[in-house]
């Protein structure tokens, strides 16, 4: 069952996941994904910079299988494939986290996966995909990876497992929003990283249908702000280049479905700098002893940056979406954050 956006929204034909859809996805994923914990942040920068009445809760999705939320959408999508589609296999384009999730989901489903990844992708992520049995196809850029993945759909009949767009992805990521509302039913706001909008749209759909008064903020890096620009323009926008340390958020464009769902449910998109991301990584490491990639520190960066005044003194949930990084790169960015 799906619902349709009202005529007052930017994309009146875009469907969004209902609570029934999301709960059905949660039932499909039961036993396959972990219910990740929440933990209240009460030390360090939160105690120093925010009012004592502020409640900051971390949704620790970095503890998910494959290390990120991406598994929810991948498993929900692959569960819909028939025997013929499974025989042909699946394909994905990704800087790493989605590719890892697709590789895992394909192995569990007993099908083959090819994943197109940019050459600059983390070696640890590339190795993780191969360890799950996927064939890695390297491309010169994110744009080229998407083009190569689409070519494999045409050449080999593989099913495209899109990293952020489509109802099945939103239903899968919506299960994360469902969990947050079950664990923290009285939140005033939820802050969500944004790449292509699949995570933010799914979470927001669940949150807003369960607790309409809870605000949902999406956060992008300045160097990968396709959704922010799309909100400003009122239509999905593309980026000529992507330039951010948060490579997991490096979607080169917004697409109509995920844009429509975000427009329907997300209150606002804000942006943060790479320096703010690195500082947030440092705070999470120092105060919470969490090793996060830049994307997973995005919500923290927004709380301490552009959203500080609006969320100070409120009950806030921060989505810590994942952590898959090479040790040298993590150390480099952590040092950058400590020095800032």
Protein backbone atom coordinates (compact mmCIF):
# COMPACT_ATOMS: atom_id res chain seq x y z
CA UNK A 1 0.00 0.00 0.00
CA UNK A 2 1.32 3.44 -0.87
CA UNK A 3 0.09 6.97 -0.40
CA UNK A 4 0.33 9.88 -2.80
CA UNK A 5 1.68 13.31 -2.08
CA UNK A 6 -0.89 16.08 -1.83
CA UNK A 7 -1.20 18.48 -4.79
CA UNK A 8 0.43 21.26 -2.78
CA UNK A 9 3.78 19.50 -2.75
CA UNK A 10 6.49 19.69 -5.38
CA UNK A 11 5.93 16.23 -6.85
CA UNK A 12 2.21 15.34 -6.61
CA UNK A 13 2.69 11.91 -8.20
CA UNK A 14 5.53 10.74 -5.97
CA UNK A 15 4.44 7.91 -3.69
CA UNK A 16 5.76 7.65 -0.17
CA UNK A 17 5.88 4.75 2.27
CA UNK A 18 2.94 4.52 4.65
CA UNK A 19 3.31 3.15 8.15
CA UNK A 20 1.79 -0.07 6.83
CA UNK A 21 4.52 -0.25 4.18
CA UNK A 22 7.27 0.39 6.71
CA UNK A 23 5.92 -2.10 9.22
CA UNK A 24 5.68 -4.72 6.48
CA UNK A 25 9.33 -4.03 5.59
CA UNK A 26 10.28 -4.38 9.27
CA UNK A 27 8.58 -7.78 9.31
CA UNK A 28 10.53 -8.85 6.21
CA UNK A 29 13.80 -7.70 7.75
CA UNK A 30 13.19 -9.30 11.14
CA UNK A 31 16.12 -11.52 12.02
CA UNK A 32 18.20 -10.17 9.13
CA UNK A 33 19.06 -6.73 10.49
CA UNK A 34 19.95 -5.72 14.02
CA UNK A 35 17.84 -3.39 16.14
CA UNK A 36 20.60 -0.92 16.87
CA UNK A 37 20.78 0.80 20.26
CA UNK A 38 20.36 4.42 21.31
CA UNK A 39 22.60 6.12 23.83
CA UNK A 40 22.32 9.52 25.50
CA UNK A 41 25.29 11.86 25.06
CA UNK A 42 25.83 13.74 28.33
CA UNK A 43 29.55 14.55 28.41
CA UNK A 44 32.15 16.71 26.70
CA UNK A 45 30.98 19.14 24.04
CA UNK A 46 27.28 18.50 24.72
CA UNK A 47 27.67 19.43 28.39
CA UNK A 48 29.93 22.36 27.51
CA UNK A 49 28.06 23.92 24.59
CA UNK A 50 24.35 23.16 25.17
CA UNK A 51 21.85 23.94 27.91
CA UNK A 52 21.59 21.31 30.68
CA UNK A 53 17.98 20.65 29.65
CA UNK A 54 19.10 19.48 26.20
CA UNK A 55 18.77 15.74 25.58
CA UNK A 56 21.02 14.43 22.81
CA UNK A 57 20.43 10.82 21.81
CA UNK A 58 22.56 8.90 19.34
CA UNK A 59 20.93 6.23 17.18
CA UNK A 60 23.91 3.92 16.76
CA UNK A 61 23.28 2.45 13.33
CA UNK A 62 27.03 2.10 12.84
CA UNK A 63 26.62 -1.15 14.81
CA UNK A 64 24.45 -2.57 12.02
CA UNK A 65 25.62 -5.57 9.96
CA UNK A 66 27.95 -4.29 7.19
CA UNK A 67 28.52 -1.20 9.36
CA UNK A 68 25.77 1.06 8.00
CA UNK A 69 22.03 1.54 7.50
CA UNK A 70 22.36 0.58 3.82
CA UNK A 71 21.60 -3.07 4.54
CA UNK A 72 17.98 -2.24 5.35
CA UNK A 73 17.20 -0.99 1.85
CA UNK A 74 19.32 -3.62 0.11
CA UNK A 75 17.66 -6.56 1.87
CA UNK A 76 14.19 -5.09 1.41
CA UNK A 77 14.82 -4.66 -2.32
CA UNK A 78 16.38 -8.04 -2.96
CA UNK A 79 13.51 -9.75 -1.14
CA UNK A 80 11.17 -8.71 -3.98
CA UNK A 81 13.17 -10.37 -6.79
CA UNK A 82 11.77 -13.47 -8.45
CA UNK A 83 13.79 -16.56 -9.34
CA UNK A 84 14.61 -15.32 -12.85
CA UNK A 85 15.92 -12.00 -11.55
CA UNK A 86 17.97 -13.75 -8.90
CA UNK A 87 19.47 -15.95 -11.59
CA UNK A 88 20.58 -12.88 -13.56
CA UNK A 89 22.02 -11.17 -10.50
CA UNK A 90 22.14 -7.61 -9.22
CA UNK A 91 24.29 -4.53 -9.76
CA UNK A 92 24.94 -1.36 -7.78
CA UNK A 93 26.92 1.86 -7.95
CA UNK A 94 28.40 3.19 -4.74
CA UNK A 95 31.41 4.76 -3.04
CA UNK A 96 31.35 1.78 -0.73
CA UNK A 97 28.69 1.42 1.96
CA UNK A 98 25.82 0.60 -0.39
CA UNK A 99 28.11 -1.68 -2.38
CA UNK A 100 29.00 -3.56 0.80
CA UNK A 101 25.33 -3.91 1.72
CA UNK A 102 24.40 -5.16 -1.77
CA UNK A 103 27.27 -7.65 -1.73
CA UNK A 104 26.08 -8.99 1.64
CA UNK A 105 22.41 -9.09 0.60
CA UNK A 106 23.26 -10.87 -2.66
CA UNK A 107 25.26 -13.51 -0.81
CA UNK A 108 22.42 -14.11 1.65
CA UNK A 109 19.90 -14.33 -1.21
CA UNK A 110 22.09 -16.73 -3.18
CA UNK A 111 22.60 -14.45 -6.18
CA UNK A 112 25.60 -12.74 -7.78
CA UNK A 113 26.48 -9.07 -7.46
CA UNK A 114 28.57 -6.65 -9.46
CA UNK A 115 29.32 -3.31 -7.81
CA UNK A 116 30.66 -0.27 -9.67
CA UNK A 117 32.82 1.87 -7.42
CA UNK A 118 35.01 4.95 -8.02
CA UNK A 119 38.74 4.24 -7.99
CA UNK A 120 39.20 6.63 -5.06
CA UNK A 121 36.86 4.55 -2.87
CA UNK A 122 38.21 3.29 0.42
CA UNK A 123 40.39 0.20 -0.10
CA UNK A 124 38.78 -1.32 3.00
CA UNK A 125 35.33 -1.00 1.43
CA UNK A 126 36.50 -2.48 -1.86
CA UNK A 127 38.06 -5.39 0.00
CA UNK A 128 34.87 -5.90 2.03
CA UNK A 129 32.78 -6.15 -1.15
CA UNK A 130 35.12 -8.75 -2.60
CA UNK A 131 35.11 -10.67 0.67
CA UNK A 132 31.32 -11.00 0.37
CA UNK A 133 31.75 -12.46 -3.13
CA UNK A 134 30.87 -9.42 -5.24
CA UNK A 135 32.75 -8.53 -8.42
CA UNK A 136 34.07 -4.96 -8.12
CA UNK A 137 34.11 -2.81 -11.28
CA UNK A 138 36.23 0.31 -10.78
CA UNK A 139 35.36 3.60 -12.50
CA UNK A 140 37.04 6.99 -12.66
CA UNK A 141 34.32 8.90 -10.77
CA UNK A 142 30.96 8.54 -9.05
CA UNK A 143 29.25 9.65 -12.28
CA UNK A 144 31.14 6.99 -14.24
CA UNK A 145 30.26 4.33 -11.66
CA UNK A 146 26.55 5.03 -12.10
CA UNK A 147 26.94 4.89 -15.88
CA UNK A 148 28.80 1.58 -15.71
CA UNK A 149 26.20 0.07 -13.40
CA UNK A 150 23.40 1.10 -15.75
CA UNK A 151 25.29 -0.43 -18.68
CA UNK A 152 25.43 -3.74 -16.79
CA UNK A 153 21.66 -3.64 -16.43
CA UNK A 154 21.36 -3.47 -20.21
CA UNK A 155 24.21 -5.86 -21.03
CA UNK A 156 23.51 -8.62 -18.51
CA UNK A 157 19.91 -8.10 -17.41
CA UNK A 158 20.95 -7.50 -13.82
CA UNK A 159 18.61 -5.70 -11.44
CA UNK A 160 19.79 -2.25 -10.39
CA UNK A 161 19.98 -1.89 -6.63
CA UNK A 162 19.82 1.87 -6.37
CA UNK A 163 21.76 3.41 -3.48
CA UNK A 164 19.09 5.91 -2.46
CA UNK A 165 16.07 6.12 -4.74
CA UNK A 166 12.79 4.22 -4.91
CA UNK A 167 9.97 2.96 -2.68
CA UNK A 168 11.71 -0.23 -1.58
CA UNK A 169 14.75 1.70 -0.37
CA UNK A 170 12.56 4.19 1.49
CA UNK A 171 10.58 1.38 3.11
CA UNK A 172 13.84 -0.19 4.26
CA UNK A 173 15.29 3.01 5.68
CA UNK A 174 11.90 3.77 7.17
CA UNK A 175 12.41 0.82 9.51
CA UNK A 176 15.21 2.83 11.12
CA UNK A 177 12.78 5.69 11.75
CA UNK A 178 10.30 3.20 13.17
CA UNK A 179 12.94 1.95 15.61
CA UNK A 180 13.86 5.48 16.67
CA UNK A 181 10.24 6.30 17.46
CA UNK A 182 9.83 3.06 19.41
CA UNK A 183 12.99 3.73 21.42
CA UNK A 184 12.57 7.51 21.81
CA UNK A 185 8.87 8.29 21.36
CA UNK A 186 8.99 11.85 22.71
CA UNK A 187 11.73 13.40 20.57
CA UNK A 188 11.38 17.01 19.49
CA UNK A 189 13.70 16.63 16.49
CA UNK A 190 15.61 14.05 14.48
CA UNK A 191 18.72 15.02 12.50
CA UNK A 192 19.62 12.83 9.53
CA UNK A 193 22.59 12.77 7.11
CA UNK A 194 21.66 13.26 3.45
CA UNK A 195 23.41 11.83 0.42
CA UNK A 196 20.76 11.07 -2.17
CA UNK A 197 17.93 11.34 0.36
CA UNK A 198 16.96 7.69 0.71
CA UNK A 199 17.85 7.54 4.41
CA UNK A 200 16.41 10.92 5.27
CA UNK A 201 13.20 10.38 3.33
CA UNK A 202 12.54 6.96 4.82
CA UNK A 203 13.25 8.03 8.39
CA UNK A 204 11.22 11.22 7.99
CA UNK A 205 8.26 9.28 6.57
CA UNK A 206 8.16 7.08 9.65
CA UNK A 207 8.80 9.87 12.16
CA UNK A 208 6.25 12.32 10.77
CA UNK A 209 3.47 9.74 10.46
CA UNK A 210 4.03 8.61 14.05
CA UNK A 211 4.82 11.99 15.63
CA UNK A 212 3.92 14.90 13.31
CA UNK A 213 5.20 17.53 15.75
CA UNK A 214 8.73 16.08 15.70
CA UNK A 215 10.93 18.09 13.35
CA UNK A 216 13.18 16.30 10.87
CA UNK A 217 16.30 18.04 9.60
CA UNK A 218 18.48 16.73 6.79
CA UNK A 219 22.17 17.62 6.68
CA UNK A 220 24.53 17.73 3.69
CA UNK A 221 28.16 18.77 3.20
CA UNK A 222 28.63 21.99 1.24
CA UNK A 223 30.55 20.02 -1.39
CA UNK A 224 27.72 17.52 -1.98
CA UNK A 225 24.54 19.53 -1.52
CA UNK A 226 22.26 18.30 -4.30
CA UNK A 227 19.24 17.94 -2.00
CA UNK A 228 19.73 21.39 -0.47
CA UNK A 229 19.85 22.90 -3.95
CA UNK A 230 16.83 20.85 -4.96
CA UNK A 231 14.84 22.20 -2.00
CA UNK A 232 15.83 25.72 -2.99
CA UNK A 233 14.91 25.21 -6.64
CA UNK A 234 11.77 23.14 -6.04
CA UNK A 235 12.96 20.44 -8.47
CA UNK A 236 15.69 17.75 -8.36
CA UNK A 237 19.12 19.21 -9.12
CA UNK A 238 22.44 17.77 -10.29
CA UNK A 239 25.99 18.64 -9.29
CA UNK A 240 28.79 19.17 -11.78
CA UNK A 241 31.31 17.96 -9.20
CA UNK A 242 31.30 16.40 -5.73
CA UNK A 243 33.97 17.56 -3.29
CA UNK A 244 33.72 16.50 0.34
CA UNK A 245 35.51 14.30 2.85
CA UNK A 246 32.13 12.58 3.40
CA UNK A 247 32.36 10.35 0.35
CA UNK A 248 29.37 8.30 1.54
CA UNK A 249 27.22 11.40 1.01
CA UNK A 250 28.59 12.13 -2.45
CA UNK A 251 25.42 11.58 -4.50
CA UNK A 252 25.88 13.59 -7.73
CA UNK A 253 22.19 14.40 -8.06
CA UNK A 254 18.77 14.21 -6.45
CA UNK A 255 16.10 12.07 -8.09
CA UNK A 256 12.34 12.68 -8.24
CA UNK A 257 11.20 9.95 -5.85
CA UNK A 258 13.60 10.57 -2.97
CA UNK A 259 13.30 14.33 -3.51
CA UNK A 260 9.50 14.08 -3.39
CA UNK A 261 9.51 12.06 -0.17
CA UNK A 262 11.97 14.45 1.46
CA UNK A 263 9.90 17.46 0.38
CA UNK A 264 6.82 15.82 1.86
CA UNK A 265 8.29 15.01 5.28
CA UNK A 266 11.59 16.84 5.91
CA UNK A 267 11.31 20.27 7.54
CA UNK A 268 14.62 21.66 6.28
CA UNK A 269 17.99 20.77 4.77
CA UNK A 270 21.05 22.45 6.29
CA UNK A 271 24.71 22.28 5.29
CA UNK A 272 27.99 21.81 7.12
CA UNK A 273 31.62 22.23 6.11
CA UNK A 274 34.25 19.52 5.93
CA UNK A 275 36.03 21.13 8.87
CA UNK A 276 32.82 20.89 10.92
CA UNK A 277 32.52 17.23 9.96
CA UNK A 278 36.04 16.51 11.13
CA UNK A 279 35.45 18.39 14.39
CA UNK A 280 32.29 16.35 14.95
CA UNK A 281 34.24 13.14 14.34
CA UNK A 282 36.69 14.27 17.00
CA UNK A 283 33.91 15.03 19.50
CA UNK A 284 32.31 11.62 18.93
CA UNK A 285 35.68 9.93 19.41
CA UNK A 286 36.71 11.96 22.45
CA UNK A 287 33.38 12.05 24.27
CA UNK A 288 31.53 8.93 23.13
CA UNK A 289 34.48 6.69 22.14
CA UNK A 290 32.91 6.15 18.72
CA UNK A 291 34.88 5.67 15.52
CA UNK A 292 32.78 7.28 12.81
CA UNK A 293 33.25 8.11 9.16
CA UNK A 294 32.48 11.73 8.19
CA UNK A 295 28.94 10.89 7.04
CA UNK A 296 28.12 9.44 10.46
CA UNK A 297 29.27 12.66 12.14
CA UNK A 298 27.08 14.87 9.95
CA UNK A 299 24.13 15.09 12.33
CA UNK A 300 26.47 15.98 15.20
CA UNK A 301 28.09 18.70 13.09
CA UNK A 302 24.66 20.17 12.35
CA UNK A 303 23.59 20.14 16.01
CA UNK A 304 26.77 21.96 17.02
CA UNK A 305 26.64 24.26 13.98
CA UNK A 306 23.66 25.53 11.98
CA UNK A 307 21.01 23.94 14.22
CA UNK A 308 22.46 24.80 17.62
CA UNK A 309 20.20 27.71 18.49
CA UNK A 310 17.03 25.98 17.32
CA UNK A 311 17.70 22.66 19.04
CA UNK A 312 19.36 23.84 22.25
CA UNK A 313 17.23 22.80 25.22
CA UNK A 314 15.25 20.19 23.23
CA UNK A 315 15.16 16.39 22.93
CA UNK A 316 17.15 15.56 19.81
CA UNK A 317 17.95 12.29 18.04
CA UNK A 318 21.10 12.17 15.92
CA UNK A 319 21.39 9.41 13.33
CA UNK A 320 24.91 7.93 13.43
CA UNK A 321 24.48 6.22 10.09
CA UNK A 322 27.63 4.10 9.79
CA UNK A 323 31.36 3.68 9.98
CA UNK A 324 33.52 2.05 7.34
CA UNK A 325 36.93 3.66 6.91
CA UNK A 326 40.58 2.83 6.44
CA UNK A 327 42.61 3.45 9.58
CA UNK A 328 45.06 5.93 7.96
CA UNK A 329 42.23 8.04 6.51
CA UNK A 330 40.37 8.03 9.80
CA UNK A 331 43.49 9.13 11.67
CA UNK A 332 44.06 11.92 9.14
CA UNK A 333 40.53 13.31 9.47
CA UNK A 334 40.50 12.91 13.24
CA UNK A 335 43.71 14.91 13.50
CA UNK A 336 42.19 17.59 11.27
CA UNK A 337 39.20 17.79 13.58
CA UNK A 338 41.34 17.98 16.71
CA UNK A 339 43.39 20.84 15.25
CA UNK A 340 40.40 22.89 14.08
